């Protein structure tokens, strides 16, 4: 089990901790810390190690409602692309209409 866990274990991302010699913070935070603007809103960033926490994150993501117009637009674009591919492959569309 020890060998298998070494292969399947995910590595943690390395953090860059740099503090310059003549830096005075004054409560503004470290300007040299590499952190993305939206990391605090993302569910994929952080240490979600266990299977249970990953499953709970997936359930929370499915409960979130997205933009309805975006979903409709995506379905229309995908259907048009599929029909174009079927036309280029000379697929007989009459099986859908008879």
PDB file of N, CA and C in Angstrom:
ATOM      1  N   UNK A   1       0.823  -1.189   0.000  1.00  0.00           N
ATOM      2  CA  UNK A   1       0.000   0.000   0.000  1.00  0.00           C
ATOM      3  C   UNK A   1       0.868   1.254   0.000  1.00  0.00           C
ATOM      4  N   UNK A   2       2.083   1.141   0.564  1.00  0.00           N
ATOM      5  CA  UNK A   2       2.956   2.305   0.642  1.00  0.00           C
ATOM      6  C   UNK A   2       3.438   2.769  -0.713  1.00  0.00           C
ATOM      7  N   UNK A   3       3.711   1.831  -1.604  1.00  0.00           N
ATOM      8  CA  UNK A   3       4.177   2.187  -2.945  1.00  0.00           C
ATOM      9  C   UNK A   3       3.043   2.805  -3.746  1.00  0.00           C
ATOM     10  N   UNK A   4       1.840   2.228  -3.599  1.00  0.00           N
ATOM     11  CA  UNK A   4       0.687   2.738  -4.335  1.00  0.00           C
ATOM     12  C   UNK A   4       0.324   4.144  -3.882  1.00  0.00           C
ATOM     13  N   UNK A   5       0.435   4.409  -2.575  1.00  0.00           N
ATOM     14  CA  UNK A   5       0.100   5.742  -2.088  1.00  0.00           C
ATOM     15  C   UNK A   5       1.115   6.784  -2.549  1.00  0.00           C
ATOM     16  N   UNK A   6       2.372   6.379  -2.770  1.00  0.00           N
ATOM     17  CA  UNK A   6       3.366   7.324  -3.270  1.00  0.00           C
ATOM     18  C   UNK A   6       3.083   7.709  -4.712  1.00  0.00           C
ATOM     19  N   UNK A   7       2.536   6.778  -5.478  1.00  0.00           N
ATOM     20  CA  UNK A   7       2.244   7.051  -6.886  1.00  0.00           C
ATOM     21  C   UNK A   7       0.984   7.893  -7.027  1.00  0.00           C
ATOM     22  N   UNK A   8      -0.055   7.553  -6.252  1.00  0.00           N
ATOM     23  CA  UNK A   8      -1.348   8.210  -6.422  1.00  0.00           C
ATOM     24  C   UNK A   8      -1.495   9.476  -5.599  1.00  0.00           C
ATOM     25  N   UNK A   9      -0.574   9.757  -4.706  1.00  0.00           N
ATOM     26  CA  UNK A   9      -0.681  10.928  -3.844  1.00  0.00           C
ATOM     27  C   UNK A   9      -0.415  12.202  -4.646  1.00  0.00           C
ATOM     28  N   UNK A  10      -1.298  13.185  -4.490  1.00  0.00           N
ATOM     29  CA  UNK A  10      -1.128  14.457  -5.181  1.00  0.00           C
ATOM     30  C   UNK A  10      -0.193  15.359  -4.385  1.00  0.00           C
ATOM     31  N   UNK A  11       0.661  16.061  -5.097  1.00  0.00           N
ATOM     32  CA  UNK A  11       1.574  16.980  -4.430  1.00  0.00           C
ATOM     33  C   UNK A  11       0.879  18.309  -4.176  1.00  0.00           C
ATOM     34  N   UNK A  12       1.242  18.954  -3.092  1.00  0.00           N
ATOM     35  CA  UNK A  12       0.721  20.292  -2.811  1.00  0.00           C
ATOM     36  C   UNK A  12       1.488  21.309  -3.640  1.00  0.00           C
ATOM     37  N   UNK A  13       0.812  22.386  -3.999  1.00  0.00           N
ATOM     38  CA  UNK A  13       1.475  23.445  -4.735  1.00  0.00           C
ATOM     39  C   UNK A  13       2.435  24.181  -3.806  1.00  0.00           C
ATOM     40  N   UNK A  14       3.560  24.571  -4.351  1.00  0.00           N
ATOM     41  CA  UNK A  14       4.539  25.309  -3.562  1.00  0.00           C
ATOM     42  C   UNK A  14       4.124  26.771  -3.498  1.00  0.00           C
ATOM     43  N   UNK A  15       4.338  27.371  -2.343  1.00  0.00           N
ATOM     44  CA  UNK A  15       3.977  28.773  -2.167  1.00  0.00           C
ATOM     45  C   UNK A  15       5.243  29.614  -2.187  1.00  0.00           C
ATOM     46  N   UNK A  16       5.111  30.790  -2.728  1.00  0.00           N
ATOM     47  CA  UNK A  16       6.230  31.705  -2.827  1.00  0.00           C
ATOM     48  C   UNK A  16       6.136  32.693  -1.675  1.00  0.00           C
ATOM     49  N   UNK A  17       6.992  32.581  -0.708  1.00  0.00           N
ATOM     50  CA  UNK A  17       6.993  33.469   0.455  1.00  0.00           C
ATOM     51  C   UNK A  17       8.236  34.349   0.387  1.00  0.00           C
ATOM     52  N   UNK A  18       8.069  35.565  -0.072  1.00  0.00           N
ATOM     53  CA  UNK A  18       9.191  36.487  -0.182  1.00  0.00           C
ATOM     54  C   UNK A  18       8.858  37.736   0.608  1.00  0.00           C
ATOM     55  N   UNK A  19       9.736  38.121   1.487  1.00  0.00           N
ATOM     56  CA  UNK A  19       9.557  39.395   2.183  1.00  0.00           C
ATOM     57  C   UNK A  19      10.858  40.177   2.033  1.00  0.00           C
ATOM     58  N   UNK A  20      10.803  41.329   1.391  1.00  0.00           N
ATOM     59  CA  UNK A  20      12.023  42.101   1.170  1.00  0.00           C
ATOM     60  C   UNK A  20      12.588  42.647   2.481  1.00  0.00           C
ATOM     61  N   UNK A  21      13.843  43.031   2.437  1.00  0.00           N
ATOM     62  CA  UNK A  21      14.538  43.456   3.636  1.00  0.00           C
ATOM     63  C   UNK A  21      13.990  44.776   4.177  1.00  0.00           C
ATOM     64  N   UNK A  22      13.714  45.730   3.321  1.00  0.00           N
ATOM     65  CA  UNK A  22      13.286  47.054   3.762  1.00  0.00           C
ATOM     66  C   UNK A  22      11.816  47.273   3.432  1.00  0.00           C
ATOM     67  N   UNK A  23      10.965  46.377   3.853  1.00  0.00           N
ATOM     68  CA  UNK A  23       9.540  46.487   3.554  1.00  0.00           C
ATOM     69  C   UNK A  23       8.781  46.766   4.835  1.00  0.00           C
ATOM     70  N   UNK A  24       7.961  47.822   4.808  1.00  0.00           N
ATOM     71  CA  UNK A  24       7.117  48.150   5.946  1.00  0.00           C
ATOM     72  C   UNK A  24       5.675  47.883   5.533  1.00  0.00           C
ATOM     73  N   UNK A  25       5.015  46.998   6.220  1.00  0.00           N
ATOM     74  CA  UNK A  25       3.703  46.526   5.797  1.00  0.00           C
ATOM     75  C   UNK A  25       2.623  47.590   5.953  1.00  0.00           C
ATOM     76  N   UNK A  26       2.494  48.179   7.091  1.00  0.00           N
ATOM     77  CA  UNK A  26       1.489  49.190   7.417  1.00  0.00           C
ATOM     78  C   UNK A  26       0.068  48.691   7.137  1.00  0.00           C
ATOM     79  N   UNK A  27      -0.188  47.411   7.345  1.00  0.00           N
ATOM     80  CA  UNK A  27      -1.538  46.868   7.263  1.00  0.00           C
ATOM     81  C   UNK A  27      -2.115  46.701   5.879  1.00  0.00           C
ATOM     82  N   UNK A  28      -1.329  46.860   4.824  1.00  0.00           N
ATOM     83  CA  UNK A  28      -1.861  46.756   3.468  1.00  0.00           C
ATOM     84  C   UNK A  28      -1.709  45.356   2.888  1.00  0.00           C
ATOM     85  N   UNK A  29      -1.074  44.467   3.575  1.00  0.00           N
ATOM     86  CA  UNK A  29      -0.829  43.131   3.046  1.00  0.00           C
ATOM     87  C   UNK A  29       0.466  43.111   2.266  1.00  0.00           C
ATOM     88  N   UNK A  30       0.935  41.957   1.979  1.00  0.00           N
ATOM     89  CA  UNK A  30       2.196  41.796   1.271  1.00  0.00           C
ATOM     90  C   UNK A  30       1.964  41.948  -0.230  1.00  0.00           C
ATOM     91  N   UNK A  31       2.540  42.961  -0.865  1.00  0.00           N
ATOM     92  CA  UNK A  31       2.334  43.116  -2.310  1.00  0.00           C
ATOM     93  C   UNK A  31       3.088  42.075  -3.132  1.00  0.00           C
ATOM     94  N   UNK A  32       4.009  41.362  -2.507  1.00  0.00           N
ATOM     95  CA  UNK A  32       4.798  40.367  -3.226  1.00  0.00           C
ATOM     96  C   UNK A  32       4.190  38.972  -3.136  1.00  0.00           C
ATOM     97  N   UNK A  33       3.069  38.841  -2.429  1.00  0.00           N
ATOM     98  CA  UNK A  33       2.432  37.538  -2.310  1.00  0.00           C
ATOM     99  C   UNK A  33       1.681  37.236  -3.601  1.00  0.00           C
ATOM    100  N   UNK A  34       1.974  36.074  -4.181  1.00  0.00           N
ATOM    101  CA  UNK A  34       1.336  35.678  -5.427  1.00  0.00           C
ATOM    102  C   UNK A  34       0.000  35.025  -5.116  1.00  0.00           C
ATOM    103  N   UNK A  35      -1.063  35.774  -5.304  1.00  0.00           N
ATOM    104  CA  UNK A  35      -2.398  35.246  -5.065  1.00  0.00           C
ATOM    105  C   UNK A  35      -3.324  35.855  -6.101  1.00  0.00           C
ATOM    106  N   UNK A  36      -4.138  35.025  -6.681  1.00  0.00           N
ATOM    107  CA  UNK A  36      -5.044  35.503  -7.708  1.00  0.00           C
ATOM    108  C   UNK A  36      -6.202  36.255  -7.061  1.00  0.00           C
ATOM    109  N   UNK A  37      -6.822  37.141  -7.811  1.00  0.00           N
ATOM    110  CA  UNK A  37      -7.909  37.956  -7.286  1.00  0.00           C
ATOM    111  C   UNK A  37      -9.089  37.121  -6.804  1.00  0.00           C
ATOM    112  N   UNK A  38      -9.403  36.074  -7.525  1.00  0.00           N
ATOM    113  CA  UNK A  38     -10.634  35.344  -7.272  1.00  0.00           C
ATOM    114  C   UNK A  38     -10.418  34.038  -6.523  1.00  0.00           C
ATOM    115  N   UNK A  39      -9.249  33.843  -5.915  1.00  0.00           N
ATOM    116  CA  UNK A  39      -8.978  32.593  -5.208  1.00  0.00           C
ATOM    117  C   UNK A  39      -9.926  32.379  -4.033  1.00  0.00           C
ATOM    118  N   UNK A  40     -10.350  33.457  -3.397  1.00  0.00           N
ATOM    119  CA  UNK A  40     -11.230  33.297  -2.236  1.00  0.00           C
ATOM    120  C   UNK A  40     -12.636  32.865  -2.633  1.00  0.00           C
ATOM    121  N   UNK A  41     -12.996  33.019  -3.898  1.00  0.00           N
ATOM    122  CA  UNK A  41     -14.325  32.624  -4.355  1.00  0.00           C
ATOM    123  C   UNK A  41     -14.335  31.257  -5.024  1.00  0.00           C
ATOM    124  N   UNK A  42     -13.187  30.701  -5.304  1.00  0.00           N
ATOM    125  CA  UNK A  42     -13.110  29.426  -6.010  1.00  0.00           C
ATOM    126  C   UNK A  42     -13.185  28.265  -5.031  1.00  0.00           C
ATOM    127  N   UNK A  43     -13.813  27.190  -5.486  1.00  0.00           N
ATOM    128  CA  UNK A  43     -13.882  25.998  -4.644  1.00  0.00           C
ATOM    129  C   UNK A  43     -12.742  25.041  -4.952  1.00  0.00           C
ATOM    130  N   UNK A  44     -12.065  25.228  -6.071  1.00  0.00           N
ATOM    131  CA  UNK A  44     -11.004  24.301  -6.452  1.00  0.00           C
ATOM    132  C   UNK A  44      -9.669  24.660  -5.822  1.00  0.00           C
ATOM    133  N   UNK A  45      -9.540  25.868  -5.285  1.00  0.00           N
ATOM    134  CA  UNK A  45      -8.286  26.295  -4.677  1.00  0.00           C
ATOM    135  C   UNK A  45      -8.331  25.962  -3.193  1.00  0.00           C
ATOM    136  N   UNK A  46      -7.271  25.408  -2.693  1.00  0.00           N
ATOM    137  CA  UNK A  46      -7.196  25.087  -1.277  1.00  0.00           C
ATOM    138  C   UNK A  46      -6.854  23.634  -1.078  1.00  0.00           C
ATOM    139  N   UNK A  47      -6.958  23.206   0.162  1.00  0.00           N
ATOM    140  CA  UNK A  47      -6.602  21.819   0.464  1.00  0.00           C
ATOM    141  C   UNK A  47      -7.875  21.010   0.674  1.00  0.00           C
ATOM    142  N   UNK A  48      -8.463  20.550  -0.400  1.00  0.00           N
ATOM    143  CA  UNK A  48      -9.609  19.646  -0.294  1.00  0.00           C
ATOM    144  C   UNK A  48      -9.100  18.247  -0.594  1.00  0.00           C
ATOM    145  N   UNK A  49      -8.578  17.605   0.429  1.00  0.00           N
ATOM    146  CA  UNK A  49      -7.855  16.354   0.253  1.00  0.00           C
ATOM    147  C   UNK A  49      -8.780  15.144   0.210  1.00  0.00           C
ATOM    148  N   UNK A  50      -9.767  15.087   1.073  1.00  0.00           N
ATOM    149  CA  UNK A  50     -10.540  13.865   1.211  1.00  0.00           C
ATOM    150  C   UNK A  50     -11.576  13.684   0.121  1.00  0.00           C
ATOM    151  N   UNK A  51     -12.002  12.444  -0.033  1.00  0.00           N
ATOM    152  CA  UNK A  51     -13.027  12.123  -1.017  1.00  0.00           C
ATOM    153  C   UNK A  51     -14.363  12.735  -0.622  1.00  0.00           C
ATOM    154  N   UNK A  52     -14.637  12.773   0.677  1.00  0.00           N
ATOM    155  CA  UNK A  52     -15.893  13.344   1.154  1.00  0.00           C
ATOM    156  C   UNK A  52     -15.960  14.841   0.861  1.00  0.00           C
ATOM    157  N   UNK A  53     -14.862  15.576   1.073  1.00  0.00           N
ATOM    158  CA  UNK A  53     -14.880  17.012   0.800  1.00  0.00           C
ATOM    159  C   UNK A  53     -14.989  17.284  -0.692  1.00  0.00           C
ATOM    160  N   UNK A  54     -14.347  16.452  -1.515  1.00  0.00           N
ATOM    161  CA  UNK A  54     -14.480  16.622  -2.961  1.00  0.00           C
ATOM    162  C   UNK A  54     -15.913  16.379  -3.401  1.00  0.00           C
ATOM    163  N   UNK A  55     -16.549  15.353  -2.842  1.00  0.00           N
ATOM    164  CA  UNK A  55     -17.934  15.045  -3.177  1.00  0.00           C
ATOM    165  C   UNK A  55     -18.866  16.166  -2.722  1.00  0.00           C
ATOM    166  N   UNK A  56     -18.619  16.724  -1.520  1.00  0.00           N
ATOM    167  CA  UNK A  56     -19.435  17.841  -1.038  1.00  0.00           C
ATOM    168  C   UNK A  56     -19.248  19.080  -1.913  1.00  0.00           C
ATOM    169  N   UNK A  57     -18.035  19.328  -2.392  1.00  0.00           N
ATOM    170  CA  UNK A  57     -17.796  20.458  -3.289  1.00  0.00           C
ATOM    171  C   UNK A  57     -18.544  20.288  -4.598  1.00  0.00           C
ATOM    172  N   UNK A  58     -18.583  19.059  -5.107  1.00  0.00           N
ATOM    173  CA  UNK A  58     -19.325  18.803  -6.346  1.00  0.00           C
ATOM    174  C   UNK A  58     -20.804  19.055  -6.130  1.00  0.00           C
ATOM    175  N   UNK A  59     -21.346  18.609  -4.995  1.00  0.00           N
ATOM    176  CA  UNK A  59     -22.762  18.836  -4.707  1.00  0.00           C
ATOM    177  C   UNK A  59     -23.075  20.323  -4.579  1.00  0.00           C
ATOM    178  N   UNK A  60     -22.189  21.077  -3.947  1.00  0.00           N
ATOM    179  CA  UNK A  60     -22.409  22.518  -3.820  1.00  0.00           C
ATOM    180  C   UNK A  60     -22.337  23.207  -5.176  1.00  0.00           C
ATOM    181  N   UNK A  61     -21.451  22.744  -6.056  1.00  0.00           N
ATOM    182  CA  UNK A  61     -21.347  23.337  -7.389  1.00  0.00           C
ATOM    183  C   UNK A  61     -22.579  23.052  -8.224  1.00  0.00           C
ATOM    184  N   UNK A  62     -23.194  21.884  -8.046  1.00  0.00           N
ATOM    185  CA  UNK A  62     -24.396  21.582  -8.825  1.00  0.00           C
ATOM    186  C   UNK A  62     -25.595  22.371  -8.325  1.00  0.00           C
ATOM    187  N   UNK A  63     -25.588  22.774  -7.067  1.00  0.00           N
ATOM    188  CA  UNK A  63     -26.702  23.564  -6.538  1.00  0.00           C
ATOM    189  C   UNK A  63     -26.666  25.000  -7.048  1.00  0.00           C
ATOM    190  N   UNK A  64     -25.492  25.465  -7.439  1.00  0.00           N
ATOM    191  CA  UNK A  64     -25.373  26.824  -7.947  1.00  0.00           C
ATOM    192  C   UNK A  64     -25.999  26.934  -9.317  1.00  0.00           C
ATOM    193  N   UNK A  65     -26.827  27.908  -9.493  1.00  0.00           N
ATOM    194  CA  UNK A  65     -27.486  28.102 -10.782  1.00  0.00           C
ATOM    195  C   UNK A  65     -26.618  29.011 -11.642  1.00  0.00           C
ATOM    196  N   UNK A  66     -26.487  28.648 -12.909  1.00  0.00           N
ATOM    197  CA  UNK A  66     -25.699  29.441 -13.834  1.00  0.00           C
ATOM    198  C   UNK A  66     -26.585  30.385 -14.630  1.00  0.00           C
ATOM    199  N   UNK A  67     -26.015  31.005 -15.600  1.00  0.00           N
ATOM    200  CA  UNK A  67     -26.734  31.918 -16.473  1.00  0.00           C
ATOM    201  C   UNK A  67     -27.538  31.106 -17.484  1.00  0.00           C
ATOM    202  N   UNK A  68     -28.859  31.293 -17.494  1.00  0.00           N
ATOM    203  CA  UNK A  68     -29.728  30.512 -18.375  1.00  0.00           C
ATOM    204  C   UNK A  68     -29.452  30.833 -19.837  1.00  0.00           C
ATOM    205  N   UNK A  69     -29.224  32.107 -20.162  1.00  0.00           N
ATOM    206  CA  UNK A  69     -28.956  32.483 -21.553  1.00  0.00           C
ATOM    207  C   UNK A  69     -27.666  31.846 -22.059  1.00  0.00           C
ATOM    208  N   UNK A  70     -26.688  31.742 -21.203  1.00  0.00           N
ATOM    209  CA  UNK A  70     -25.426  31.115 -21.587  1.00  0.00           C
ATOM    210  C   UNK A  70     -25.621  29.634 -21.896  1.00  0.00           C
ATOM    211  N   UNK A  71     -26.438  28.966 -21.093  1.00  0.00           N
ATOM    212  CA  UNK A  71     -26.690  27.545 -21.325  1.00  0.00           C
ATOM    213  C   UNK A  71     -27.421  27.329 -22.642  1.00  0.00           C
ATOM    214  N   UNK A  72     -28.418  28.165 -22.924  1.00  0.00           N
ATOM    215  CA  UNK A  72     -29.170  28.036 -24.180  1.00  0.00           C
ATOM    216  C   UNK A  72     -28.260  28.307 -25.369  1.00  0.00           C
ATOM    217  N   UNK A  73     -27.435  29.335 -25.270  1.00  0.00           N
ATOM    218  CA  UNK A  73     -26.506  29.669 -26.344  1.00  0.00           C
ATOM    219  C   UNK A  73     -25.518  28.532 -26.592  1.00  0.00           C
ATOM    220  N   UNK A  74     -25.042  27.915 -25.512  1.00  0.00           N
ATOM    221  CA  UNK A  74     -24.105  26.801 -25.645  1.00  0.00           C
ATOM    222  C   UNK A  74     -24.757  25.606 -26.328  1.00  0.00           C
ATOM    223  N   UNK A  75     -26.005  25.314 -25.986  1.00  0.00           N
ATOM    224  CA  UNK A  75     -26.714  24.191 -26.611  1.00  0.00           C
ATOM    225  C   UNK A  75     -26.922  24.458 -28.091  1.00  0.00           C
ATOM    226  N   UNK A  76     -27.279  25.685 -28.455  1.00  0.00           N
ATOM    227  CA  UNK A  76     -27.491  26.032 -29.866  1.00  0.00           C
ATOM    228  C   UNK A  76     -26.185  25.907 -30.646  1.00  0.00           C
ATOM    229  N   UNK A  77     -25.099  26.428 -30.100  1.00  0.00           N
ATOM    230  CA  UNK A  77     -23.804  26.368 -30.788  1.00  0.00           C
ATOM    231  C   UNK A  77     -23.353  24.917 -30.959  1.00  0.00           C
ATOM    232  N   UNK A  78     -23.491  24.112 -29.909  1.00  0.00           N
ATOM    233  CA  UNK A  78     -23.091  22.708 -30.009  1.00  0.00           C
ATOM    234  C   UNK A  78     -23.944  21.942 -31.012  1.00  0.00           C
ATOM    235  N   UNK A  79     -25.248  22.217 -31.035  1.00  0.00           N
ATOM    236  CA  UNK A  79     -26.108  21.515 -31.991  1.00  0.00           C
ATOM    237  C   UNK A  79     -25.770  21.906 -33.428  1.00  0.00           C
ATOM    238  N   UNK A  80     -25.464  23.179 -33.657  1.00  0.00           N
ATOM    239  CA  UNK A  80     -25.079  23.614 -35.007  1.00  0.00           C
ATOM    240  C   UNK A  80     -23.765  22.951 -35.424  1.00  0.00           C
ATOM    241  N   UNK A  81     -22.800  22.897 -34.520  1.00  0.00           N
ATOM    242  CA  UNK A  81     -21.521  22.252 -34.838  1.00  0.00           C
ATOM    243  C   UNK A  81     -21.687  20.756 -35.107  1.00  0.00           C
ATOM    244  N   UNK A  82     -22.543  20.109 -34.342  1.00  0.00           N
ATOM    245  CA  UNK A  82     -22.784  18.680 -34.575  1.00  0.00           C
ATOM    246  C   UNK A  82     -23.448  18.461 -35.921  1.00  0.00           C
ATOM    247  N   UNK A  83     -24.420  19.301 -36.263  1.00  0.00           N
ATOM    248  CA  UNK A  83     -25.083  19.163 -37.566  1.00  0.00           C
ATOM    249  C   UNK A  83     -24.114  19.421 -38.720  1.00  0.00           C
ATOM    250  N   UNK A  84     -23.213  20.385 -38.553  1.00  0.00           N
ATOM    251  CA  UNK A  84     -22.216  20.651 -39.599  1.00  0.00           C
ATOM    252  C   UNK A  84     -21.287  19.447 -39.756  1.00  0.00           C
ATOM    253  N   UNK A  85     -20.860  18.865 -38.636  1.00  0.00           N
ATOM    254  CA  UNK A  85     -19.993  17.676 -38.710  1.00  0.00           C
ATOM    255  C   UNK A  85     -20.722  16.508 -39.367  1.00  0.00           C
ATOM    256  N   UNK A  86     -21.985  16.320 -39.027  1.00  0.00           N
ATOM    257  CA  UNK A  86     -22.755  15.240 -39.644  1.00  0.00           C
ATOM    258  C   UNK A  86     -22.932  15.481 -41.136  1.00  0.00           C
ATOM    259  N   UNK A  87     -23.118  16.733 -41.529  1.00  0.00           N
ATOM    260  CA  UNK A  87     -23.264  17.053 -42.948  1.00  0.00           C
ATOM    261  C   UNK A  87     -21.952  16.788 -43.698  1.00  0.00           C
ATOM    262  N   UNK A  88     -20.837  17.178 -43.090  1.00  0.00           N
ATOM    263  CA  UNK A  88     -19.543  16.956 -43.738  1.00  0.00           C
ATOM    264  C   UNK A  88     -19.208  15.467 -43.847  1.00  0.00           C
ATOM    265  N   UNK A  89     -19.676  14.683 -42.893  1.00  0.00           N
ATOM    266  CA  UNK A  89     -19.442  13.243 -42.943  1.00  0.00           C
ATOM    267  C   UNK A  89     -20.479  12.521 -43.801  1.00  0.00           C
ATOM    268  N   UNK A  90     -21.362  13.284 -44.416  1.00  0.00           N
ATOM    269  CA  UNK A  90     -22.395  12.754 -45.307  1.00  0.00           C
ATOM    270  C   UNK A  90     -23.328  11.800 -44.564  1.00  0.00           C
ATOM    271  N   UNK A  91     -23.727  12.216 -43.379  1.00  0.00           N
ATOM    272  CA  UNK A  91     -24.650  11.425 -42.571  1.00  0.00           C
ATOM    273  C   UNK A  91     -26.065  11.655 -43.065  1.00  0.00           C
ATOM    274  N   UNK A  92     -26.849  10.598 -43.145  1.00  0.00           N
ATOM    275  CA  UNK A  92     -28.215  10.691 -43.643  1.00  0.00           C
ATOM    276  C   UNK A  92     -29.128  11.119 -42.493  1.00  0.00           C
ATOM    277  N   UNK A  93     -29.643  12.350 -42.557  1.00  0.00           N
ATOM    278  CA  UNK A  93     -30.485  12.886 -41.499  1.00  0.00           C
ATOM    279  C   UNK A  93     -31.935  12.432 -41.616  1.00  0.00           C
ATOM    280  N   UNK A  94     -32.267  11.667 -42.638  1.00  0.00           N
ATOM    281  CA  UNK A  94     -33.658  11.253 -42.830  1.00  0.00           C
ATOM    282  C   UNK A  94     -34.109  10.257 -41.764  1.00  0.00           C
ATOM    283  N   UNK A  95     -33.189   9.648 -41.040  1.00  0.00           N
ATOM    284  CA  UNK A  95     -33.603   8.716 -39.994  1.00  0.00           C
ATOM    285  C   UNK A  95     -34.264   9.453 -38.832  1.00  0.00           C
ATOM    286  N   UNK A  96     -34.001  10.733 -38.683  1.00  0.00           N
ATOM    287  CA  UNK A  96     -34.630  11.507 -37.623  1.00  0.00           C
ATOM    288  C   UNK A  96     -36.026  11.973 -38.000  1.00  0.00           C
ATOM    289  N   UNK A  97     -36.349  12.028 -39.272  1.00  0.00           N
ATOM    290  CA  UNK A  97     -37.611  12.605 -39.722  1.00  0.00           C
ATOM    291  C   UNK A  97     -38.620  11.565 -40.189  1.00  0.00           C
ATOM    292  N   UNK A  98     -38.274  10.301 -40.269  1.00  0.00           N
ATOM    293  CA  UNK A  98     -39.232   9.310 -40.757  1.00  0.00           C
ATOM    294  C   UNK A  98     -39.831   8.501 -39.623  1.00  0.00           C
TER     295      UNK A  98
END
